[in-house]
Structure formats: structure tokens, C-alpha cells
Amino acid sequence: MSTESVGAAGSVRRLQPGLTRRLVRRERHRSRSTAVVIALVVLIVAAAYVGTESVLALLGRPALLQSPTAVIGALNKPAVWSIPAVAALVVLGILALVAALAPGRRARHRLTDDRVAVVVDDDVIAGSLSRRVATAGSVSRSHARTTVSSRRATVNVTPNSGFVIERDAVSAAAREAMAELAPIPAVRTRVVVAESGVLA
């Protein structure tokens, strides 16, 4: 994703920093429109059901499921199953609130660059760290596995049987690789060397 665009006359025009931030945020976060639509549909259906039951009760017609008076009576005299049911509804409500308010972060980071805005998947960062650590530890690429989260990267290294990996060397290599990438937000590296080795 570039922060520069070419004009009609061939001149390069740099995008505004605010627009760049919005573009990067759009690439790093999921849209909440689907969750909002689902929540609104559920609310509309619930409101329509409550309204229908209320109208049927006023007209003296039989309820579809439960009349409002029966529901109020059940709440005034809670049964054994009422407390778990209410607790489950509260938990679902909290989860729905968190899903609506918390940003849906994608597994991506922005890389630091003065000229362009670069957004890469965390798998790309993980692959770069694994290659650098495998080279520093003199092991095959398959013996270094990296997991990257929002703020932390963990590299698990398995030595070859009969060989010892210098923990300081591979840790320094991981930190150097991360410093070169300079992702935003910053990611701390941690290297874990397995106690037992495997055949190369």
C-alpha cells in the first residue's frame, strides 16, 4: 500500500498522513458491519415478538409462546433453572458487547517506512524470524517455528542431535531481524531452545 500517487502530468503526489493512517487501520482491522447487522436483526425480531405477544394479550387471544403476564410471573417466582438461564444471558450479552466495541484486529503489522505504508501478515514476520534464527543456530528451517501475536513473537528452536545451540546468538539474531522489520506496534522477541535435539 503506497502513500504516493502519480498525477496526470506524471508528478508524484504524497498522500496526507491522516489518509495513510486510515488506510493502514482499514487493512489491520476487520469491519464490524456484519456483527452490527446481525445484532440489529436480533433486536428487531425480539422487539417484534414482544410487541406481538403484548397485542395478543390485550386482545385476549392465546399467546404464541408465553404471554407477558406469564413471563412476569415466572420472573417474580424464579425456578431452579432461572439463575443459570439469566447467567447465560448475561454472559452472552457481555460477549456481544465486547464483540461490538473491541476492534477486530487482523493478524497484520505495519512496517516502518518513511516513504510508503507497508502492511504485512504476521506469517511473513514469522517466516523472516524463523529463517534468521535457523541460520544463526545452524539448523534447518523446519527446526525453527515462530508464532507472532500483537506484541510478542516466540521462536521455538530444536537443535540437531549432538549439537548445542548458543541461546545468546539465536536471541540476538531474532532481535536484529525484528529491529530491521520495525513493525508497528512494536513486537518483543523470545527464543525458546528445546532441551532435546532431533535428527537433521
C-alpha atoms as a PDB file:
ATOM      1  CA  MET A   1       0.000   0.000   0.000  1.00  0.00           C
ATOM      2  CA  SER A   2       1.728   3.176  -1.148  1.00  0.00           C
ATOM      3  CA  THR A   3       1.346   6.660   0.306  1.00  0.00           C
ATOM      4  CA  GLU A   4       2.272   8.191  -3.049  1.00  0.00           C
ATOM      5  CA  SER A   5       0.186   8.509  -6.207  1.00  0.00           C
ATOM      6  CA  VAL A   6       1.071   9.669  -9.706  1.00  0.00           C
ATOM      7  CA  GLY A   7      -0.776  12.680 -11.096  1.00  0.00           C
ATOM      8  CA  ALA A   8      -1.937  13.253 -14.670  1.00  0.00           C
ATOM      9  CA  ALA A   9       1.268  15.024 -15.582  1.00  0.00           C
ATOM     10  CA  GLY A  10       3.442  12.258 -14.157  1.00  0.00           C
ATOM     11  CA  SER A  11       4.264  14.121 -10.936  1.00  0.00           C
ATOM     12  CA  VAL A  12       4.286  12.192  -7.681  1.00  0.00           C
ATOM     13  CA  ARG A  13       1.785  13.374  -5.075  1.00  0.00           C
ATOM     14  CA  ARG A  14       2.212  12.183  -1.461  1.00  0.00           C
ATOM     15  CA  LEU A  15      -0.976  11.185   0.345  1.00  0.00           C
ATOM     16  CA  GLN A  16      -1.922  13.002   3.524  1.00  0.00           C
ATOM     17  CA  PRO A  17      -0.766  11.381   6.804  1.00  0.00           C
ATOM     18  CA  GLY A  18      -4.347  11.198   8.080  1.00  0.00           C
ATOM     19  CA  LEU A  19      -5.461   9.302   4.995  1.00  0.00           C
ATOM     20  CA  THR A  20      -2.489   6.965   5.333  1.00  0.00           C
ATOM     21  CA  ARG A  21      -3.422   6.186   8.951  1.00  0.00           C
ATOM     22  CA  ARG A  22      -6.993   5.413   7.921  1.00  0.00           C
ATOM     23  CA  LEU A  23      -5.845   3.127   5.122  1.00  0.00           C
ATOM     24  CA  VAL A  24      -3.474   1.258   7.434  1.00  0.00           C
ATOM     25  CA  ARG A  25      -6.159   0.902  10.085  1.00  0.00           C
ATOM     26  CA  ARG A  26      -8.583  -0.473   7.495  1.00  0.00           C
ATOM     27  CA  GLU A  27      -6.004  -3.074   6.463  1.00  0.00           C
ATOM     28  CA  ARG A  28      -5.263  -4.102  10.075  1.00  0.00           C
ATOM     29  CA  HIS A  29      -8.834  -4.261  11.413  1.00  0.00           C
ATOM     30  CA  ARG A  30     -11.931  -6.172  10.356  1.00  0.00           C
ATOM     31  CA  SER A  31     -15.165  -4.413   9.544  1.00  0.00           C
ATOM     32  CA  ARG A  32     -17.857  -4.671  12.228  1.00  0.00           C
ATOM     33  CA  SER A  33     -20.739  -4.151   9.779  1.00  0.00           C
ATOM     34  CA  THR A  34     -21.707  -7.845   9.717  1.00  0.00           C
ATOM     35  CA  ALA A  35     -21.825  -8.083  13.512  1.00  0.00           C
ATOM     36  CA  VAL A  36     -23.853  -4.869  13.713  1.00  0.00           C
ATOM     37  CA  VAL A  37     -26.358  -6.110  11.118  1.00  0.00           C
ATOM     38  CA  ILE A  38     -26.805  -9.411  12.962  1.00  0.00           C
ATOM     39  CA  ALA A  39     -27.298  -7.621  16.287  1.00  0.00           C
ATOM     40  CA  LEU A  40     -29.874  -5.273  14.758  1.00  0.00           C
ATOM     41  CA  VAL A  41     -31.770  -8.162  13.178  1.00  0.00           C
ATOM     42  CA  VAL A  42     -31.872  -9.990  16.525  1.00  0.00           C
ATOM     43  CA  LEU A  43     -33.116  -6.847  18.280  1.00  0.00           C
ATOM     44  CA  ILE A  44     -35.793  -6.256  15.623  1.00  0.00           C
ATOM     45  CA  VAL A  45     -37.009  -9.865  15.859  1.00  0.00           C
ATOM     46  CA  ALA A  46     -37.090  -9.695  19.671  1.00  0.00           C
ATOM     47  CA  ALA A  47     -38.961  -6.377  19.634  1.00  0.00           C
ATOM     48  CA  ALA A  48     -41.437  -7.699  17.069  1.00  0.00           C
ATOM     49  CA  TYR A  49     -42.067 -10.806  19.200  1.00  0.00           C
ATOM     50  CA  VAL A  50     -42.602  -8.794  22.398  1.00  0.00           C
ATOM     51  CA  GLY A  51     -44.917  -6.423  20.560  1.00  0.00           C
ATOM     52  CA  THR A  52     -46.919  -9.298  19.071  1.00  0.00           C
ATOM     53  CA  GLU A  53     -47.306 -11.022  22.439  1.00  0.00           C
ATOM     54  CA  SER A  54     -48.401  -7.742  24.043  1.00  0.00           C
ATOM     55  CA  VAL A  55     -51.023  -7.093  21.352  1.00  0.00           C
ATOM     56  CA  LEU A  56     -52.352 -10.657  21.623  1.00  0.00           C
ATOM     57  CA  ALA A  57     -52.597 -10.293  25.399  1.00  0.00           C
ATOM     58  CA  LEU A  58     -54.538  -7.002  25.068  1.00  0.00           C
ATOM     59  CA  LEU A  59     -56.941  -8.627  22.584  1.00  0.00           C
ATOM     60  CA  GLY A  60     -57.434 -11.641  24.828  1.00  0.00           C
ATOM     61  CA  ARG A  61     -56.036 -14.032  22.226  1.00  0.00           C
ATOM     62  CA  PRO A  62     -53.813 -17.024  23.086  1.00  0.00           C
ATOM     63  CA  ALA A  63     -50.084 -16.316  23.189  1.00  0.00           C
ATOM     64  CA  LEU A  64     -47.663 -17.568  20.557  1.00  0.00           C
ATOM     65  CA  LEU A  65     -45.230 -18.898  23.177  1.00  0.00           C
ATOM     66  CA  GLN A  66     -45.656 -17.172  26.541  1.00  0.00           C
ATOM     67  CA  SER A  67     -47.869 -14.267  27.489  1.00  0.00           C
ATOM     68  CA  PRO A  68     -46.257 -11.225  29.124  1.00  0.00           C
ATOM     69  CA  THR A  69     -48.102 -11.926  32.392  1.00  0.00           C
ATOM     70  CA  ALA A  70     -46.732 -15.489  32.474  1.00  0.00           C
ATOM     71  CA  VAL A  71     -43.210 -14.205  31.883  1.00  0.00           C
ATOM     72  CA  ILE A  72     -43.536 -11.597  34.633  1.00  0.00           C
ATOM     73  CA  GLY A  73     -44.923 -14.235  36.996  1.00  0.00           C
ATOM     74  CA  ALA A  74     -42.007 -16.536  36.252  1.00  0.00           C
ATOM     75  CA  LEU A  75     -39.568 -13.723  36.992  1.00  0.00           C
ATOM     76  CA  ASN A  76     -41.284 -12.952  40.304  1.00  0.00           C
ATOM     77  CA  LYS A  77     -41.127 -16.642  41.299  1.00  0.00           C
ATOM     78  CA  PRO A  78     -37.838 -17.862  39.892  1.00  0.00           C
ATOM     79  CA  ALA A  79     -37.493 -21.578  39.265  1.00  0.00           C
ATOM     80  CA  VAL A  80     -34.348 -23.643  39.728  1.00  0.00           C
ATOM     81  CA  TRP A  81     -33.334 -23.155  36.093  1.00  0.00           C
ATOM     82  CA  SER A  82     -33.853 -19.371  36.186  1.00  0.00           C
ATOM     83  CA  ILE A  83     -30.480 -18.474  37.717  1.00  0.00           C
ATOM     84  CA  PRO A  84     -28.380 -20.446  35.173  1.00  0.00           C
ATOM     85  CA  ALA A  85     -30.535 -19.088  32.340  1.00  0.00           C
ATOM     86  CA  VAL A  86     -30.087 -15.490  33.486  1.00  0.00           C
ATOM     87  CA  ALA A  87     -26.346 -16.052  33.996  1.00  0.00           C
ATOM     88  CA  ALA A  88     -26.051 -17.442  30.458  1.00  0.00           C
ATOM     89  CA  LEU A  89     -27.938 -14.437  29.045  1.00  0.00           C
ATOM     90  CA  VAL A  90     -25.642 -12.055  30.948  1.00  0.00           C
ATOM     91  CA  VAL A  91     -22.550 -13.815  29.599  1.00  0.00           C
ATOM     92  CA  LEU A  92     -23.945 -13.707  26.048  1.00  0.00           C
ATOM     93  CA  GLY A  93     -24.720 -10.009  26.470  1.00  0.00           C
ATOM     94  CA  ILE A  94     -21.181  -9.269  27.670  1.00  0.00           C
ATOM     95  CA  LEU A  95     -19.682 -11.232  24.765  1.00  0.00           C
ATOM     96  CA  ALA A  96     -21.912  -9.382  22.295  1.00  0.00           C
ATOM     97  CA  LEU A  97     -20.886  -6.035  23.822  1.00  0.00           C
ATOM     98  CA  VAL A  98     -17.191  -6.908  23.611  1.00  0.00           C
ATOM     99  CA  ALA A  99     -17.610  -8.097  20.011  1.00  0.00           C
ATOM    100  CA  ALA A 100     -19.330  -4.824  19.113  1.00  0.00           C
ATOM    101  CA  LEU A 101     -16.863  -2.472  20.825  1.00  0.00           C
ATOM    102  CA  ALA A 102     -13.487  -4.225  20.590  1.00  0.00           C
ATOM    103  CA  PRO A 103     -11.578  -3.728  17.339  1.00  0.00           C
ATOM    104  CA  GLY A 104     -11.360  -6.848  15.214  1.00  0.00           C
ATOM    105  CA  ARG A 105      -7.615  -6.945  14.707  1.00  0.00           C
ATOM    106  CA  ARG A 106      -6.277  -8.900  11.777  1.00  0.00           C
ATOM    107  CA  ALA A 107      -3.005 -10.803  12.087  1.00  0.00           C
ATOM    108  CA  ARG A 108      -1.067  -7.981  10.436  1.00  0.00           C
ATOM    109  CA  HIS A 109       1.507  -5.344  11.335  1.00  0.00           C
ATOM    110  CA  ARG A 110       2.602  -2.144   9.700  1.00  0.00           C
ATOM    111  CA  LEU A 111       6.274  -1.904   8.828  1.00  0.00           C
ATOM    112  CA  THR A 112       8.146   1.330   9.414  1.00  0.00           C
ATOM    113  CA  ASP A 113       8.997   3.221   6.226  1.00  0.00           C
ATOM    114  CA  ASP A 114       9.350   6.937   5.561  1.00  0.00           C
ATOM    115  CA  ARG A 115       8.001   6.818   2.000  1.00  0.00           C
ATOM    116  CA  VAL A 116       5.321   4.132   1.891  1.00  0.00           C
ATOM    117  CA  ALA A 117       2.873   2.425   4.237  1.00  0.00           C
ATOM    118  CA  VAL A 118       3.515  -1.323   4.213  1.00  0.00           C
ATOM    119  CA  VAL A 119       1.166  -3.766   5.934  1.00  0.00           C
ATOM    120  CA  VAL A 120       2.212  -7.426   6.099  1.00  0.00           C
ATOM    121  CA  ASP A 121       0.687 -10.577   7.543  1.00  0.00           C
ATOM    122  CA  ASP A 122       2.159 -11.870  10.779  1.00  0.00           C
ATOM    123  CA  ASP A 123       3.103 -15.052   8.889  1.00  0.00           C
ATOM    124  CA  VAL A 124       5.579 -13.001   6.863  1.00  0.00           C
ATOM    125  CA  ILE A 125       7.210 -11.701  10.039  1.00  0.00           C
ATOM    126  CA  ALA A 126       7.233 -15.215  11.489  1.00  0.00           C
ATOM    127  CA  GLY A 127       8.903 -16.619   8.377  1.00  0.00           C
ATOM    128  CA  SER A 128      11.582 -13.944   8.439  1.00  0.00           C
ATOM    129  CA  LEU A 129      12.380 -14.610  12.098  1.00  0.00           C
ATOM    130  CA  SER A 130      12.460 -18.375  11.571  1.00  0.00           C
ATOM    131  CA  ARG A 131      14.905 -18.085   8.679  1.00  0.00           C
ATOM    132  CA  ARG A 132      17.212 -15.744  10.589  1.00  0.00           C
ATOM    133  CA  VAL A 133      17.187 -17.867  13.741  1.00  0.00           C
ATOM    134  CA  ALA A 134      17.674 -21.104  11.782  1.00  0.00           C
ATOM    135  CA  THR A 135      20.723 -19.597  10.063  1.00  0.00           C
ATOM    136  CA  ALA A 136      22.180 -18.330  13.345  1.00  0.00           C
ATOM    137  CA  GLY A 137      21.595 -21.680  15.045  1.00  0.00           C
ATOM    138  CA  SER A 138      22.897 -23.756  12.091  1.00  0.00           C
ATOM    139  CA  VAL A 139      19.694 -25.791  11.921  1.00  0.00           C
ATOM    140  CA  SER A 140      17.301 -26.480   9.090  1.00  0.00           C
ATOM    141  CA  ARG A 141      14.395 -24.125   8.505  1.00  0.00           C
ATOM    142  CA  SER A 142      11.926 -26.756   9.719  1.00  0.00           C
ATOM    143  CA  HIS A 143      13.590 -26.765  13.160  1.00  0.00           C
ATOM    144  CA  ALA A 144      12.631 -23.134  13.833  1.00  0.00           C
ATOM    145  CA  ARG A 145       8.944 -22.328  14.303  1.00  0.00           C
ATOM    146  CA  THR A 146       7.687 -18.825  15.087  1.00  0.00           C
ATOM    147  CA  THR A 147       4.360 -17.567  16.363  1.00  0.00           C
ATOM    148  CA  VAL A 148       3.589 -13.856  16.216  1.00  0.00           C
ATOM    149  CA  SER A 149       0.898 -12.061  18.205  1.00  0.00           C
ATOM    150  CA  SER A 150       0.091  -8.388  18.518  1.00  0.00           C
ATOM    151  CA  ARG A 151       3.019  -7.576  20.825  1.00  0.00           C
ATOM    152  CA  ARG A 152       5.139 -10.725  21.077  1.00  0.00           C
ATOM    153  CA  ALA A 153       6.976 -13.173  18.828  1.00  0.00           C
ATOM    154  CA  THR A 154       8.104 -16.549  20.141  1.00  0.00           C
ATOM    155  CA  VAL A 155      10.639 -18.640  18.226  1.00  0.00           C
ATOM    156  CA  ASN A 156      10.896 -22.319  19.158  1.00  0.00           C
ATOM    157  CA  VAL A 157      14.200 -23.848  18.022  1.00  0.00           C
ATOM    158  CA  THR A 158      15.016 -27.551  18.054  1.00  0.00           C
ATOM    159  CA  PRO A 159      18.743 -28.359  17.791  1.00  0.00           C
ATOM    160  CA  ASN A 160      20.208 -31.203  15.789  1.00  0.00           C
ATOM    161  CA  SER A 161      21.146 -34.241  17.848  1.00  0.00           C
ATOM    162  CA  GLY A 162      24.672 -33.931  19.209  1.00  0.00           C
ATOM    163  CA  PHE A 163      24.904 -30.181  18.616  1.00  0.00           C
ATOM    164  CA  VAL A 164      24.398 -27.294  21.019  1.00  0.00           C
ATOM    165  CA  ILE A 165      22.682 -24.055  20.012  1.00  0.00           C
ATOM    166  CA  GLU A 166      24.062 -20.863  21.506  1.00  0.00           C
ATOM    167  CA  ARG A 167      20.980 -19.262  23.028  1.00  0.00           C
ATOM    168  CA  ASP A 168      22.531 -15.791  23.073  1.00  0.00           C
ATOM    169  CA  ALA A 169      23.404 -15.968  19.376  1.00  0.00           C
ATOM    170  CA  VAL A 170      19.955 -17.010  18.203  1.00  0.00           C
ATOM    171  CA  SER A 171      18.291 -14.487  20.553  1.00  0.00           C
ATOM    172  CA  ALA A 172      20.480 -11.711  19.146  1.00  0.00           C
ATOM    173  CA  ALA A 173      19.626 -12.814  15.603  1.00  0.00           C
ATOM    174  CA  ALA A 174      15.904 -12.691  16.384  1.00  0.00           C
ATOM    175  CA  ARG A 175      16.172  -9.220  17.930  1.00  0.00           C
ATOM    176  CA  GLU A 176      18.214  -7.965  14.964  1.00  0.00           C
ATOM    177  CA  ALA A 177      15.675  -9.311  12.468  1.00  0.00           C
ATOM    178  CA  MET A 178      12.819  -7.690  14.347  1.00  0.00           C
ATOM    179  CA  ALA A 179      14.716  -4.393  14.577  1.00  0.00           C
ATOM    180  CA  GLU A 180      15.197  -4.415  10.802  1.00  0.00           C
ATOM    181  CA  LEU A 181      11.485  -5.011  10.216  1.00  0.00           C
ATOM    182  CA  ALA A 182      10.477  -2.459  12.899  1.00  0.00           C
ATOM    183  CA  PRO A 183       6.784  -3.423  12.968  1.00  0.00           C
ATOM    184  CA  ILE A 184       4.114  -1.120  14.407  1.00  0.00           C
ATOM    185  CA  PRO A 185       3.079  -1.813  17.128  1.00  0.00           C
ATOM    186  CA  ALA A 186       6.463  -2.981  18.381  1.00  0.00           C
ATOM    187  CA  VAL A 187       6.902  -6.724  18.864  1.00  0.00           C
ATOM    188  CA  ARG A 188       9.146  -8.263  21.522  1.00  0.00           C
ATOM    189  CA  THR A 189      11.030 -11.421  20.577  1.00  0.00           C
ATOM    190  CA  ARG A 190      11.599 -14.515  22.689  1.00  0.00           C
ATOM    191  CA  VAL A 191      13.616 -17.552  21.665  1.00  0.00           C
ATOM    192  CA  VAL A 192      12.981 -20.946  23.265  1.00  0.00           C
ATOM    193  CA  VAL A 193      15.601 -23.644  22.636  1.00  0.00           C
ATOM    194  CA  ALA A 194      14.422 -27.219  23.096  1.00  0.00           C
ATOM    195  CA  GLU A 195      16.292 -29.324  25.620  1.00  0.00           C
ATOM    196  CA  SER A 196      16.494 -32.405  23.384  1.00  0.00           C
ATOM    197  CA  GLY A 197      17.559 -32.452  19.764  1.00  0.00           C
ATOM    198  CA  VAL A 198      16.295 -34.330  16.740  1.00  0.00           C
ATOM    199  CA  LEU A 199      17.993 -35.942  13.768  1.00  0.00           C
ATOM    200  CA  ALA A 200      18.717 -33.462  10.996  1.00  0.00           C
END
